[in-house]
Amino acid sequence: MSESEDLRLDTLPTEVIVAICQYLSLFSKCQLCQVCLRFQLILYNNNEFWQHLDLSHFGETLTNQHLFTILRTRWKSKLQNRCLDISGCRLISSSALEKLAETHRDFQGIHLNVEPRFDTWEVTYNYDKWIKSQFYKKCPTFTKMGRPGLYRLWPTTRSSASQWQISNKSIQIILQGSFQTIKYLSLGKQNLNRETAITIASCKNLTKLDLSSTNLDNASLQDILSHTNKLISLKLMDLELSNMTLIMISLLKSLHQLHFSVINKGIISSKAITEMLKGLKKLDDFRMNQIMIEIDPIIIEGLAWIPCDDFVEDFEDDTKMLNQYDSNGDKLIQQDRAFIRHLDLSPKLDIYPRCRERSMLIEHYITISDTSLRSLAVNHPFLVSFRLVNPYAISAQGVDVLLSVLNCLEIFELRWRRAEVDPIHKLTPKFCPKLREITLHGVDVADFDVWFGEQDDLEIDLSENKTLLEEGYSSHSSRMIFQNLEILDLDSTEFTNNHFNMLIKYCLKVRKVKLRTNVVYSQINVNNNRTISKNDSGWIDINK
């Protein structure tokens, strides 16, 4: 066998090809099926490749006929653990789902959201170039609407005239054949009624549930929550919750992920949310938006495991903050809850959410202080994503204290609307080497040169030092940079053409940039075979 034949994919053993295919998205598998008959047979004969069908990437073109053709050729009669995601597939009719329920039962997962689950696109298919390009193209983060749940006007989120809606009867029919098996269910923005809520409550093995923007009342939500005590993920965004519903949530002891809105501050108080969070010891992903209540008690008491009174007052000594001891001084305080990995806090923009015609839009703040940031630094130093919008009463020093311990941080968003805010100093590759998304509005970085600064005293062969490379050092220039940076959304007059040029040159993974700066795009020096183009939404695409 020649050397060239040794490198051919089709000469690999079947078990190796099967192992490779486990990492492919649906789109890539379909492409591989068209390469040759051998690949087609290998893929078709492995049921596990087709158990989870995420067709939401093709939402604009997928028809009823396409859906049934795919299911007929991919889903065999004895296939177990089926999952179907047709979120955003607006051409699929309710009658098609009823017909689907006649031939396929015992689903493990059903996703019928009005919009695709873009967070799944980003995480699950991060390695797939085609899916990644679709994510960048379609995700609301990169459109005029903005990130879901953040500053989206109420008519946009509430209007059903142009939205894809599945009938309640169809949803009930498809769920009735999967009462014992279904674990994952998301119906975001579908208009659900009381009967559908009763049907959902019969799915006692649910572990992940998304009912955001479904118009369900609290009685229906409480009925569902009282029967689904195995939940590990719960999303109730854009729903007006009551204190009793919060009590029901607090009983879900296995909950890892919780996303909800605080629409009416007259109903929900900070104390009620704090008491709820105290019981959720396994929670590691918490998102709360449309906030008009005080945040400090929620962070300091609800999410903390070290009492506020035990905090070290010296902000500058970061090591002491992470070395807390008990009253005897010789034993680390035992953590009684999980570390928060993902935290998202944003306020409410629309003060009149129930009115179609409003005369006023008010941009709200959330009441949070440096004490909360200090609490997060002590209790949750392993944050992976942290989003904070319009905070009130925090300082740049408090932000620096938190950033100084967040070595695992990958996503950082800070939108600030206060005047004369000091610049932050520790948003640098030294303290946050793993950042892949940065959003800064209304606050400056003290020195952007540090993002691309040369390390003249670094006398080491970086190509042989994996640790330094992982921490953000660039092997080709002795620079410490954001090696993983993909997305930059920046509002700063201090970011110059020179900084943008270095961004393109050294941050090789950067793909999306949005700047409200003094940068002149005509003066950008594009190299490394990269191109830049600006679209209507204001985002700059950087291609390789």
Protein backbone atom coordinates (compact mmCIF):
# COMPACT_ATOMS: atom_id res chain seq x y z
CA MET A 1 0.00 0.00 0.00
CA SER A 2 1.43 3.39 -1.00
CA GLU A 3 1.95 6.27 1.38
CA SER A 4 -0.89 8.23 -0.22
CA GLU A 5 -3.30 5.33 0.29
CA ASP A 6 -2.35 5.16 3.96
CA LEU A 7 -3.72 8.67 4.41
CA ARG A 8 -7.09 8.02 2.82
CA LEU A 9 -10.12 8.10 5.10
CA ASP A 10 -11.91 5.24 3.32
CA THR A 11 -9.03 2.83 4.10
CA LEU A 12 -9.52 3.17 7.84
CA PRO A 13 -11.09 0.27 9.78
CA THR A 14 -14.83 0.50 10.29
CA GLU A 15 -14.54 0.93 14.06
CA VAL A 16 -12.25 3.95 13.57
CA ILE A 17 -14.69 5.58 11.15
CA VAL A 18 -17.52 4.95 13.62
CA ALA A 19 -15.47 6.59 16.39
CA ILE A 20 -14.82 9.64 14.17
CA CYS A 21 -18.49 9.95 13.22
CA GLN A 22 -19.47 10.26 16.87
CA TYR A 23 -18.03 13.78 16.79
CA LEU A 24 -19.87 14.89 13.66
CA SER A 25 -22.98 17.04 13.49
CA LEU A 26 -26.05 15.95 11.55
CA PHE A 27 -25.02 18.09 8.59
CA SER A 28 -21.55 16.51 8.45
CA LYS A 29 -22.98 12.99 8.71
CA CYS A 30 -25.31 13.64 5.79
CA GLN A 31 -22.38 14.92 3.74
CA LEU A 32 -20.30 11.84 4.59
CA CYS A 33 -23.14 9.57 3.49
CA GLN A 34 -22.78 10.98 -0.02
CA VAL A 35 -19.05 10.24 -0.30
CA CYS A 36 -19.29 6.52 -1.04
CA LEU A 37 -21.44 3.45 -0.47
CA ARG A 38 -19.24 2.19 2.38
CA PHE A 39 -19.64 5.36 4.42
CA GLN A 40 -23.36 5.37 3.73
CA LEU A 41 -23.78 1.81 5.01
CA ILE A 42 -21.63 2.44 8.08
CA LEU A 43 -23.67 5.50 9.05
CA TYR A 44 -27.08 4.04 8.21
CA ASN A 45 -26.44 0.87 10.19
CA ASN A 46 -25.49 2.68 13.40
CA ASN A 47 -28.68 3.75 15.09
CA GLU A 48 -26.86 5.83 17.70
CA PHE A 49 -25.89 8.36 15.02
CA TRP A 50 -29.54 9.22 14.39
CA GLN A 51 -31.02 9.01 17.88
CA HIS A 52 -30.75 12.77 18.37
CA LEU A 53 -31.98 14.65 15.32
CA ASP A 54 -31.42 18.40 15.60
CA LEU A 55 -33.09 19.82 12.49
CA SER A 56 -33.33 23.37 13.80
CA HIS A 57 -30.34 24.39 11.67
CA PHE A 58 -32.56 23.90 8.61
CA GLY A 59 -35.58 25.71 10.05
CA GLU A 60 -36.06 28.05 7.10
CA THR A 61 -36.31 25.25 4.52
CA LEU A 62 -37.43 22.09 6.34
CA THR A 63 -40.91 21.02 5.17
CA ASN A 64 -43.28 18.26 6.26
CA GLN A 65 -42.09 16.10 3.37
CA HIS A 66 -38.43 16.61 4.29
CA LEU A 67 -39.17 15.71 7.90
CA PHE A 68 -40.90 12.42 7.07
CA THR A 69 -38.24 11.48 4.51
CA ILE A 70 -35.52 11.95 7.12
CA LEU A 71 -37.38 10.00 9.77
CA ARG A 72 -38.28 7.17 7.38
CA THR A 73 -34.67 6.66 6.28
CA ARG A 74 -32.94 7.31 9.64
CA TRP A 75 -35.30 6.09 12.35
CA LYS A 76 -35.79 2.35 12.50
CA SER A 77 -38.70 0.80 14.37
CA LYS A 78 -36.66 -0.44 17.34
CA LEU A 79 -34.62 2.73 17.77
CA GLN A 80 -34.43 3.75 21.43
CA ASN A 81 -33.95 7.16 23.09
CA ARG A 82 -35.18 9.26 20.18
CA CYS A 83 -34.74 13.02 20.46
CA LEU A 84 -36.24 15.42 17.93
CA ASP A 85 -35.47 19.14 17.78
CA ILE A 86 -37.43 21.08 15.17
CA SER A 87 -37.28 24.41 16.99
CA GLY A 88 -37.77 27.29 14.59
CA CYS A 89 -38.90 25.00 11.76
CA ARG A 90 -41.80 27.25 10.74
CA LEU A 91 -42.84 25.15 7.75
CA ILE A 92 -43.71 22.13 9.90
CA SER A 93 -47.46 21.94 10.52
CA SER A 94 -49.40 20.78 13.57
CA SER A 95 -51.02 17.99 11.53
CA ALA A 96 -47.57 16.68 10.60
CA LEU A 97 -46.70 16.30 14.28
CA GLU A 98 -49.94 14.43 14.91
CA LYS A 99 -49.09 12.08 12.05
CA LEU A 100 -45.60 11.69 13.47
CA ALA A 101 -47.08 10.61 16.81
CA GLU A 102 -48.91 7.75 15.05
CA THR A 103 -45.67 6.07 14.00
CA HIS A 104 -43.14 7.19 16.63
CA ARG A 105 -43.56 6.93 20.38
CA ASP A 106 -41.38 6.83 23.47
CA PHE A 107 -39.40 9.98 22.74
CA GLN A 108 -36.57 10.88 25.08
CA GLY A 109 -36.53 14.50 23.99
CA ILE A 110 -38.87 16.86 22.14
CA HIS A 111 -37.98 20.47 21.33
CA LEU A 112 -40.64 22.64 19.69
CA ASN A 113 -39.43 26.13 20.53
CA VAL A 114 -40.56 28.97 18.29
CA GLU A 115 -36.89 29.95 17.95
CA PRO A 116 -33.87 27.62 17.65
CA ARG A 117 -31.90 26.81 20.79
CA PHE A 118 -28.84 28.81 19.82
CA ASP A 119 -27.03 28.01 23.06
CA THR A 120 -27.01 24.37 21.95
CA TRP A 121 -25.59 25.35 18.58
CA GLU A 122 -22.72 27.16 20.25
CA VAL A 123 -21.79 24.49 22.78
CA THR A 124 -22.66 21.13 21.25
CA TYR A 125 -21.41 21.88 17.76
CA ASN A 126 -18.53 24.16 18.59
CA TYR A 127 -16.14 22.01 16.56
CA ASP A 128 -18.29 21.97 13.40
CA LYS A 129 -17.39 24.81 11.01
CA TRP A 130 -20.71 24.78 9.16
CA ILE A 131 -22.79 24.84 12.34
CA LYS A 132 -20.50 27.52 13.75
CA SER A 133 -21.07 29.67 10.66
CA GLN A 134 -24.84 29.22 11.04
CA PHE A 135 -24.57 30.18 14.70
CA TYR A 136 -22.72 33.39 13.83
CA LYS A 137 -25.20 34.13 11.07
CA LYS A 138 -28.48 33.50 12.90
CA CYS A 139 -27.89 33.79 16.64
CA PRO A 140 -29.72 36.82 18.12
CA THR A 141 -26.43 37.89 19.70
CA PHE A 142 -25.39 39.08 16.26
CA THR A 143 -28.66 40.60 15.06
CA LYS A 144 -30.45 43.89 15.70
CA MET A 145 -32.71 42.21 18.27
CA GLY A 146 -29.82 41.40 20.57
CA ARG A 147 -29.45 38.48 22.95
CA PRO A 148 -32.76 36.83 23.90
CA GLY A 149 -34.21 38.35 27.03
CA LEU A 150 -32.03 41.45 26.89
CA TYR A 151 -33.55 44.74 25.73
CA ARG A 152 -36.01 43.14 23.33
CA LEU A 153 -39.15 45.23 23.01
CA TRP A 154 -42.29 43.49 24.20
CA PRO A 155 -44.14 43.47 20.84
CA THR A 156 -41.18 41.60 19.34
CA THR A 157 -41.31 38.87 21.94
CA ARG A 158 -45.07 38.73 22.34
CA SER A 159 -46.33 39.06 18.78
CA SER A 160 -47.69 35.75 17.51
CA ALA A 161 -48.80 36.90 14.08
CA SER A 162 -45.52 36.02 12.40
CA GLN A 163 -44.44 33.29 14.79
CA TRP A 164 -44.61 29.56 14.29
CA GLN A 165 -47.26 28.08 16.57
CA ILE A 166 -48.03 24.41 17.18
CA SER A 167 -51.58 23.67 18.32
CA ASN A 168 -52.08 22.53 21.90
CA LYS A 169 -53.86 19.43 20.65
CA SER A 170 -50.81 18.40 18.61
CA ILE A 171 -48.45 18.96 21.54
CA GLN A 172 -50.67 16.87 23.79
CA ILE A 173 -50.85 14.03 21.25
CA ILE A 174 -47.10 13.80 20.73
CA LEU A 175 -46.49 13.86 24.52
CA GLN A 176 -49.10 11.23 25.32
CA GLY A 177 -47.01 8.52 23.69
CA SER A 178 -43.93 9.40 25.74
CA PHE A 179 -45.14 9.86 29.32
CA GLN A 180 -42.69 7.32 30.74
CA THR A 181 -39.65 8.05 28.57
CA ILE A 182 -39.43 11.77 27.88
CA LYS A 183 -36.65 13.56 29.77
CA TYR A 184 -36.07 16.73 27.73
CA LEU A 185 -38.88 19.06 26.73
CA SER A 186 -38.78 22.66 25.51
CA LEU A 187 -41.76 24.61 24.20
CA GLY A 188 -40.44 28.16 24.34
CA LYS A 189 -42.92 30.82 23.11
CA GLN A 190 -45.64 28.33 22.21
CA ASN A 191 -49.07 29.46 23.46
CA LEU A 192 -49.93 26.70 25.92
CA ASN A 193 -53.21 26.17 27.74
CA ARG A 194 -54.25 24.46 30.96
CA GLU A 195 -54.86 21.08 29.30
CA THR A 196 -51.36 21.04 27.87
CA ALA A 197 -49.96 21.85 31.32
CA ILE A 198 -51.79 18.81 32.73
CA THR A 199 -50.25 16.68 29.97
CA ILE A 200 -46.75 18.00 30.77
CA ALA A 201 -47.32 17.22 34.45
CA SER A 202 -47.84 13.57 33.47
CA CYS A 203 -44.25 13.41 32.19
CA LYS A 204 -42.81 12.48 35.57
CA ASN A 205 -39.29 11.65 34.35
CA LEU A 206 -38.54 15.10 32.94
CA THR A 207 -35.04 16.36 33.75
CA LYS A 208 -34.87 19.42 31.46
CA LEU A 209 -37.86 21.71 30.91
CA ASP A 210 -38.17 25.03 29.07
CA LEU A 211 -41.53 26.84 29.29
CA SER A 212 -40.28 30.36 28.66
CA SER A 213 -42.82 32.81 27.20
CA THR A 214 -45.58 30.21 27.10
CA ASN A 215 -48.26 32.32 28.86
CA LEU A 216 -48.88 29.61 31.47
CA ASP A 217 -50.39 30.89 34.71
CA ASN A 218 -48.94 30.09 38.13
CA ALA A 219 -51.54 27.43 38.90
CA SER A 220 -50.47 25.50 35.80
CA LEU A 221 -46.78 25.97 36.59
CA GLN A 222 -47.25 24.76 40.14
CA ASP A 223 -49.11 21.69 38.92
CA ILE A 224 -46.22 20.87 36.58
CA LEU A 225 -43.50 21.50 39.17
CA SER A 226 -45.23 19.39 41.81
CA HIS A 227 -45.05 16.34 39.50
CA THR A 228 -41.59 16.82 37.97
CA ASN A 229 -39.26 16.54 40.94
CA LYS A 230 -36.37 15.10 38.88
CA LEU A 231 -35.67 18.36 37.06
CA ILE A 232 -32.04 19.43 36.71
CA SER A 233 -32.76 22.30 34.27
CA LEU A 234 -35.71 24.72 34.39
CA LYS A 235 -36.28 27.79 32.21
CA LEU A 236 -39.22 30.07 32.97
CA MET A 237 -38.20 33.30 31.26
CA ASP A 238 -40.78 35.98 30.52
CA LEU A 239 -43.36 34.50 32.92
CA GLU A 240 -44.93 36.32 35.85
CA LEU A 241 -44.11 34.01 38.76
CA SER A 242 -45.62 34.07 42.24
CA ASN A 243 -44.07 33.39 45.63
CA MET A 244 -45.79 30.02 45.76
CA THR A 245 -44.19 29.07 42.44
CA LEU A 246 -40.78 30.02 43.89
CA ILE A 247 -41.48 27.74 46.85
CA MET A 248 -42.27 24.91 44.42
CA ILE A 249 -38.97 25.57 42.62
CA SER A 250 -37.06 25.47 45.92
CA LEU A 251 -38.21 21.85 46.37
CA LEU A 252 -36.39 20.78 43.20
CA LYS A 253 -33.24 19.71 45.04
CA SER A 254 -31.51 18.32 41.93
CA LEU A 255 -31.75 21.59 39.99
CA HIS A 256 -28.49 22.64 38.30
CA GLN A 257 -29.82 25.29 35.92
CA LEU A 258 -32.47 27.93 36.63
CA HIS A 259 -33.47 30.81 34.32
CA PHE A 260 -36.43 33.05 35.17
CA SER A 261 -37.71 36.64 35.03
CA VAL A 262 -38.82 39.06 37.74
CA ILE A 263 -41.56 40.84 35.83
CA ASN A 264 -43.60 42.20 38.74
CA LYS A 265 -41.64 43.45 41.74
CA GLY A 266 -44.91 43.85 43.62
CA ILE A 267 -45.31 40.06 43.66
CA ILE A 268 -41.76 38.73 44.00
CA SER A 269 -39.33 40.08 46.58
CA SER A 270 -35.60 39.69 47.04
CA LYS A 271 -36.28 37.75 50.23
CA ALA A 272 -38.45 35.19 48.44
CA ILE A 273 -35.80 34.58 45.77
CA THR A 274 -33.07 34.40 48.42
CA GLU A 275 -34.94 31.75 50.38
CA MET A 276 -35.57 29.78 47.19
CA LEU A 277 -31.87 29.80 46.25
CA LYS A 278 -30.78 28.67 49.70
CA GLY A 279 -32.44 25.32 49.06
CA LEU A 280 -30.92 24.81 45.60
CA LYS A 281 -27.52 23.51 46.69
CA LYS A 282 -26.62 21.98 43.30
CA LEU A 283 -27.34 25.10 41.25
CA ASP A 284 -24.45 26.08 38.96
CA ASP A 285 -26.22 28.05 36.19
CA PHE A 286 -28.40 30.98 37.25
CA ARG A 287 -29.99 33.60 35.01
CA MET A 288 -32.41 36.29 36.17
CA ASN A 289 -33.61 39.13 33.93
CA GLN A 290 -36.21 41.91 33.88
CA ILE A 291 -35.06 42.70 37.41
CA MET A 292 -36.46 45.62 39.39
CA ILE A 293 -35.53 44.39 42.88
CA GLU A 294 -32.42 44.53 45.05
CA ILE A 295 -29.76 42.00 44.06
CA ASP A 296 -27.37 42.08 47.03
CA PRO A 297 -29.35 39.76 49.35
CA ILE A 298 -29.80 37.27 46.50
CA ILE A 299 -26.05 37.06 45.84
CA ILE A 300 -24.76 37.45 49.40
CA GLU A 301 -27.27 35.21 51.18
CA GLY A 302 -28.93 33.11 48.50
CA LEU A 303 -25.87 31.99 46.51
CA ALA A 304 -23.13 32.19 49.14
CA TRP A 305 -21.73 29.40 51.29
CA ILE A 306 -19.35 31.59 53.29
CA PRO A 307 -21.29 34.14 55.41
CA CYS A 308 -20.87 37.80 54.54
CA ASP A 309 -19.49 38.56 58.01
CA ASP A 310 -16.49 36.30 57.33
CA PHE A 311 -15.32 38.21 54.26
CA VAL A 312 -11.84 39.66 54.26
CA GLU A 313 -12.06 43.43 54.04
CA ASP A 314 -8.76 43.92 52.21
CA PHE A 315 -9.67 43.95 48.53
CA GLU A 316 -6.07 43.82 47.40
CA ASP A 317 -5.15 40.51 49.06
CA ASP A 318 -6.73 38.02 46.67
CA THR A 319 -5.07 34.99 48.27
CA LYS A 320 -6.69 35.63 51.66
CA MET A 321 -10.10 35.83 50.01
CA LEU A 322 -9.81 32.24 48.81
CA ASN A 323 -8.29 30.83 52.01
CA GLN A 324 -11.16 30.97 54.47
CA TYR A 325 -10.79 29.04 57.74
CA ASP A 326 -13.20 28.05 60.47
CA SER A 327 -13.29 29.46 64.00
CA ASN A 328 -10.35 27.26 65.05
CA GLY A 329 -8.18 28.67 62.28
CA ASP A 330 -6.86 25.30 61.15
CA LYS A 331 -9.55 23.91 58.86
CA LEU A 332 -10.99 25.12 55.59
CA ILE A 333 -14.68 25.93 55.70
CA GLN A 334 -16.54 23.11 53.99
CA GLN A 335 -18.54 24.17 50.96
CA ASP A 336 -22.19 23.16 51.28
CA ARG A 337 -23.25 24.07 47.74
CA ALA A 338 -21.99 23.84 44.16
CA PHE A 339 -19.92 26.57 42.59
CA ILE A 340 -21.88 28.85 40.28
CA ARG A 341 -20.42 28.44 36.79
CA HIS A 342 -22.80 30.66 34.82
CA LEU A 343 -24.38 33.87 36.13
CA ASP A 344 -26.51 36.31 34.10
CA LEU A 345 -28.18 39.36 35.66
CA SER A 346 -29.93 42.00 33.56
CA PRO A 347 -32.65 44.60 34.25
CA LYS A 348 -36.01 45.44 32.77
CA LEU A 349 -36.20 47.97 29.95
CA ASP A 350 -39.91 48.25 29.22
CA ILE A 351 -41.82 49.77 32.11
CA TYR A 352 -45.19 49.09 30.50
CA PRO A 353 -44.97 45.46 29.35
CA ARG A 354 -48.73 44.87 29.16
CA CYS A 355 -49.57 47.85 26.94
CA ARG A 356 -49.28 47.67 23.18
CA GLU A 357 -48.96 51.42 22.77
CA ARG A 358 -46.56 53.01 25.20
CA SER A 359 -45.42 56.58 25.49
CA MET A 360 -42.28 55.84 27.44
CA LEU A 361 -39.41 53.35 27.56
CA ILE A 362 -37.21 53.52 30.63
CA GLU A 363 -33.84 51.86 30.89
CA HIS A 364 -33.64 50.40 34.37
CA TYR A 365 -30.69 49.59 36.58
CA ILE A 366 -30.18 46.66 38.89
CA THR A 367 -29.28 47.42 42.49
CA ILE A 368 -26.05 45.60 43.17
CA SER A 369 -22.98 46.70 45.15
CA ASP A 370 -19.31 45.76 45.51
CA THR A 371 -20.27 43.49 48.39
CA SER A 372 -21.98 41.18 45.92
CA LEU A 373 -18.91 41.13 43.68
CA ARG A 374 -16.75 40.34 46.70
CA SER A 375 -19.13 37.54 47.64
CA LEU A 376 -18.85 36.07 44.15
CA ALA A 377 -15.03 36.28 44.31
CA VAL A 378 -14.98 34.35 47.58
CA ASN A 379 -17.73 31.84 46.91
CA HIS A 380 -17.66 31.31 43.15
CA PRO A 381 -14.15 31.82 41.73
CA PHE A 382 -14.77 29.26 38.98
CA LEU A 383 -17.28 31.28 36.99
CA VAL A 384 -17.20 30.36 33.30
CA SER A 385 -19.64 33.01 32.10
CA PHE A 386 -20.64 36.22 33.87
CA ARG A 387 -23.06 38.76 32.39
CA LEU A 388 -23.97 41.92 34.30
CA VAL A 389 -26.11 44.67 32.77
CA ASN A 390 -26.67 48.20 34.15
CA PRO A 391 -25.39 47.60 37.69
CA TYR A 392 -25.88 50.36 40.22
CA ALA A 393 -23.51 51.13 43.11
CA ILE A 394 -20.59 48.95 42.04
CA SER A 395 -17.14 50.34 41.31
CA ALA A 396 -14.34 49.52 38.91
CA GLN A 397 -12.31 48.39 41.93
CA GLY A 398 -15.02 45.86 42.81
CA VAL A 399 -15.01 44.53 39.24
CA ASP A 400 -11.20 44.19 39.38
CA VAL A 401 -11.40 42.24 42.64
CA LEU A 402 -13.75 39.75 41.00
CA LEU A 403 -11.79 39.50 37.75
CA SER A 404 -8.57 38.86 39.62
CA VAL A 405 -9.80 35.40 40.71
CA LEU A 406 -11.78 34.35 37.63
CA ASN A 407 -9.09 32.34 35.85
CA CYS A 408 -11.71 30.05 34.30
CA LEU A 409 -13.81 32.88 32.83
CA GLU A 410 -14.75 32.39 29.16
CA ILE A 411 -17.62 34.88 28.71
CA PHE A 412 -17.63 38.35 30.27
CA GLU A 413 -20.33 40.94 29.63
CA LEU A 414 -20.54 44.27 31.47
CA ARG A 415 -22.93 46.96 30.28
CA TRP A 416 -22.65 50.08 32.38
CA ARG A 417 -24.68 53.29 32.06
CA ARG A 418 -23.10 55.37 34.82
CA ALA A 419 -21.10 58.46 33.97
CA GLU A 420 -17.44 58.92 34.93
CA VAL A 421 -16.74 55.31 35.80
CA ASP A 422 -13.09 54.46 36.44
CA PRO A 423 -11.48 52.08 33.95
CA ILE A 424 -10.98 48.45 34.93
CA HIS A 425 -7.44 47.07 35.13
CA LYS A 426 -7.70 43.30 35.44
CA LEU A 427 -9.57 42.32 32.31
CA THR A 428 -6.31 41.01 30.86
CA PRO A 429 -4.89 37.71 29.56
CA LYS A 430 -2.98 37.39 32.83
CA PHE A 431 -6.08 37.18 35.01
CA CYS A 432 -8.64 35.84 32.48
CA PRO A 433 -6.61 33.83 29.95
CA LYS A 434 -9.52 31.70 28.68
CA LEU A 435 -11.86 34.48 27.55
CA ARG A 436 -13.58 33.79 24.24
CA GLU A 437 -16.30 36.47 24.41
CA ILE A 438 -15.96 40.03 25.74
CA THR A 439 -18.75 42.63 25.84
CA LEU A 440 -17.99 46.03 27.36
CA HIS A 441 -20.39 48.99 27.16
CA GLY A 442 -19.97 52.21 29.12
CA VAL A 443 -16.74 51.19 30.81
CA ASP A 444 -13.14 51.41 29.64
CA VAL A 445 -10.13 49.18 30.04
CA ALA A 446 -7.22 50.98 31.68
CA ASP A 447 -4.73 49.94 28.99
CA PHE A 448 -5.63 47.98 25.88
CA ASP A 449 -1.93 47.58 25.13
CA VAL A 450 -1.84 44.94 27.87
CA TRP A 451 -4.16 42.78 25.74
CA PHE A 452 -1.38 42.48 23.18
CA GLY A 453 1.67 43.40 25.27
CA GLU A 454 5.13 41.95 24.63
CA GLN A 455 6.76 39.96 27.42
CA ASP A 456 10.41 40.88 26.95
CA ASP A 457 11.54 39.02 30.04
CA LEU A 458 10.03 35.72 28.91
CA GLU A 459 13.09 33.58 28.18
CA ILE A 460 11.55 30.17 27.45
CA ASP A 461 10.73 28.02 24.48
CA LEU A 462 6.95 28.53 24.42
CA SER A 463 6.47 25.88 21.74
CA GLU A 464 7.49 23.27 24.32
CA ASN A 465 5.57 24.73 27.23
CA LYS A 466 1.95 23.61 26.97
CA THR A 467 0.96 25.29 30.23
CA LEU A 468 1.96 28.75 29.08
CA LEU A 469 0.27 28.29 25.75
CA GLU A 470 -2.96 27.31 27.47
CA GLU A 471 -2.70 30.39 29.68
CA GLY A 472 -2.70 32.71 26.70
CA TYR A 473 0.92 33.09 25.58
CA SER A 474 1.43 33.30 21.84
CA SER A 475 4.30 31.06 20.76
CA HIS A 476 5.14 33.14 17.69
CA SER A 477 5.74 36.48 19.40
CA SER A 478 6.29 36.10 23.17
CA ARG A 479 3.00 37.90 23.73
CA MET A 480 0.37 37.12 26.31
CA ILE A 481 -2.92 37.47 24.50
CA PHE A 482 -6.48 36.17 24.49
CA GLN A 483 -5.75 33.01 22.52
CA ASN A 484 -9.39 31.82 22.51
CA LEU A 485 -11.12 35.14 21.82
CA GLU A 486 -13.90 34.77 19.23
CA ILE A 487 -16.32 37.61 19.95
CA LEU A 488 -15.58 41.22 20.91
CA ASP A 489 -18.32 43.82 21.48
CA LEU A 490 -16.68 47.02 22.61
CA ASP A 491 -17.80 50.58 23.33
CA SER A 492 -14.59 52.47 24.06
CA THR A 493 -12.82 55.52 22.67
CA GLU A 494 -9.48 54.11 23.83
CA PHE A 495 -9.51 51.18 21.41
CA THR A 496 -7.57 52.37 18.36
CA ASN A 497 -6.70 51.23 14.87
CA ASN A 498 -3.44 49.84 16.19
CA HIS A 499 -5.31 47.70 18.72
CA PHE A 500 -7.65 46.41 16.02
CA ASN A 501 -4.70 45.54 13.80
CA MET A 502 -3.08 43.57 16.63
CA LEU A 503 -6.42 41.89 17.38
CA ILE A 504 -6.62 40.53 13.84
CA LYS A 505 -2.95 39.62 13.78
CA TYR A 506 -2.61 37.80 17.10
CA CYS A 507 -6.11 36.64 18.09
CA LEU A 508 -6.45 34.06 15.36
CA LYS A 509 -9.80 32.71 16.55
CA VAL A 510 -11.65 36.04 16.57
CA ARG A 511 -14.62 35.94 14.18
CA LYS A 512 -17.09 38.62 15.28
CA VAL A 513 -16.31 42.20 16.31
CA LYS A 514 -18.62 45.12 17.07
CA LEU A 515 -16.96 48.42 17.86
CA ARG A 516 -18.28 51.81 18.95
CA THR A 517 -14.85 53.37 18.88
CA ASN A 518 -12.65 55.71 16.86
CA VAL A 519 -11.45 52.87 14.66
CA VAL A 520 -11.35 53.72 10.94
CA TYR A 521 -11.93 50.50 9.03
CA SER A 522 -10.25 51.76 5.88
CA GLN A 523 -7.00 51.97 7.83
CA ILE A 524 -7.09 48.39 9.06
CA ASN A 525 -4.18 46.26 7.87
CA VAL A 526 -5.62 42.83 7.10
CA ASN A 527 -3.02 40.09 6.99
CA ASN A 528 -2.69 36.36 7.60
CA ASN A 529 -5.04 35.79 4.67
CA ARG A 530 -7.92 37.24 6.70
CA THR A 531 -10.73 39.45 5.42
CA ILE A 532 -13.16 41.77 7.21
CA SER A 533 -16.68 42.74 6.22
CA LYS A 534 -19.33 44.78 8.03
CA ASN A 535 -23.00 43.75 7.94
CA ASP A 536 -26.22 45.69 8.56
CA SER A 537 -26.37 44.79 12.25
CA GLY A 538 -23.06 46.54 12.89
CA TRP A 539 -21.06 43.36 13.45
CA ILE A 540 -17.78 42.91 11.61
CA ASP A 541 -17.15 39.44 10.24
CA ILE A 542 -13.51 38.37 10.25
CA ASN A 543 -12.90 35.43 7.97
CA LYS A 544 -9.84 33.36 7.28
